[in-house]
Amino acid sequence: MDINEQTETFQYELAKLVYHFKREYDLNDLTIAGCLDFCKLSVLTETDDVIFEGDFSTEDDTDEEEDTDLDINFKF
């Protein structure tokens, strides 16, 4: 099989897998797209996990809505 045939086969099998999960599970399109994007990033960065680091503590624990900045660093 040449690269074009391999690519076409991969796309076909991937589409079958996506449609299988859409039928069998209650996953919406955005969830599936997010999972595919995560896989894409994992392939491109040659990793299989994401490390989330963040400081979610606030100085004031009031119920008032206020504009707070959260420091979240994503490492792939």
Protein backbone atom coordinates (compact mmCIF):
# COMPACT_ATOMS: atom_id res chain seq x y z
CA MET A 1 0.00 0.00 0.00
CA ASP A 2 1.34 3.42 -0.88
CA ILE A 3 1.00 6.48 1.39
CA ASN A 4 -2.19 7.68 -0.33
CA GLU A 5 -3.93 4.34 0.18
CA GLN A 6 -2.73 4.19 3.79
CA THR A 7 -4.04 7.72 4.43
CA GLU A 8 -7.38 6.91 2.86
CA THR A 9 -7.70 3.72 4.90
CA PHE A 10 -6.80 5.56 8.10
CA GLN A 11 -9.40 8.28 7.42
CA TYR A 12 -12.06 5.66 6.66
CA GLU A 13 -11.33 3.66 9.82
CA LEU A 14 -11.21 6.80 11.95
CA ALA A 15 -14.58 7.95 10.59
CA LYS A 16 -16.06 4.51 11.34
CA LEU A 17 -14.76 4.74 14.91
CA VAL A 18 -16.21 8.23 15.42
CA TYR A 19 -19.63 7.21 14.08
CA HIS A 20 -19.57 4.07 16.23
CA PHE A 21 -19.05 6.16 19.39
CA LYS A 22 -21.73 8.64 18.32
CA ARG A 23 -24.22 5.77 18.00
CA GLU A 24 -23.23 3.82 21.11
CA TYR A 25 -22.64 6.67 23.57
CA ASP A 26 -24.27 9.98 24.37
CA LEU A 27 -21.39 12.11 23.11
CA ASN A 28 -22.05 15.39 21.38
CA ASP A 29 -20.06 16.69 18.44
CA LEU A 30 -18.05 19.18 20.51
CA THR A 31 -16.93 16.45 22.90
CA ILE A 32 -15.82 14.25 20.03
CA ALA A 33 -14.03 17.16 18.36
CA GLY A 34 -12.26 17.96 21.64
CA CYS A 35 -11.10 14.36 22.00
CA LEU A 36 -9.84 14.33 18.43
CA ASP A 37 -8.03 17.61 19.01
CA PHE A 38 -6.37 16.16 22.12
CA CYS A 39 -5.26 13.14 20.06
CA LYS A 40 -3.95 15.46 17.36
CA LEU A 41 -1.89 17.42 19.88
CA SER A 42 -0.61 14.20 21.43
CA VAL A 43 0.55 12.97 18.04
CA LEU A 44 2.16 16.29 17.13
CA THR A 45 3.97 16.63 20.45
CA GLU A 46 4.71 12.91 20.81
CA THR A 47 3.08 12.75 24.25
CA ASP A 48 0.04 10.96 25.57
CA ASP A 49 -0.89 13.16 28.50
CA VAL A 50 -1.46 16.77 29.48
CA ILE A 51 -0.28 18.33 32.71
CA PHE A 52 -2.49 21.07 34.10
CA GLU A 53 -1.08 23.45 36.67
CA GLY A 54 -3.12 26.22 38.15
CA ASP A 55 -3.70 28.40 41.14
CA PHE A 56 -7.42 28.46 41.77
CA SER A 57 -7.27 30.05 45.22
CA THR A 58 -8.82 33.44 45.69
CA GLU A 59 -8.06 36.03 48.29
CA ASP A 60 -11.72 36.65 49.06
CA ASP A 61 -14.29 33.85 49.27
CA THR A 62 -17.37 36.02 48.76
CA ASP A 63 -20.39 35.17 46.65
CA GLU A 64 -20.03 38.37 44.67
CA GLU A 65 -19.12 38.03 41.05
CA GLU A 66 -15.81 39.64 40.40
CA ASP A 67 -13.32 39.57 37.57
CA THR A 68 -10.49 37.29 38.69
CA ASP A 69 -7.62 36.05 36.63
CA LEU A 70 -6.64 32.42 37.01
CA ASP A 71 -3.13 31.38 36.17
CA ILE A 72 -3.40 28.15 34.23
CA ASN A 73 -0.39 26.71 32.46
CA PHE A 74 -0.81 23.92 29.97
CA LYS A 75 2.15 21.69 29.27
CA PHE A 76 2.00 19.20 26.44
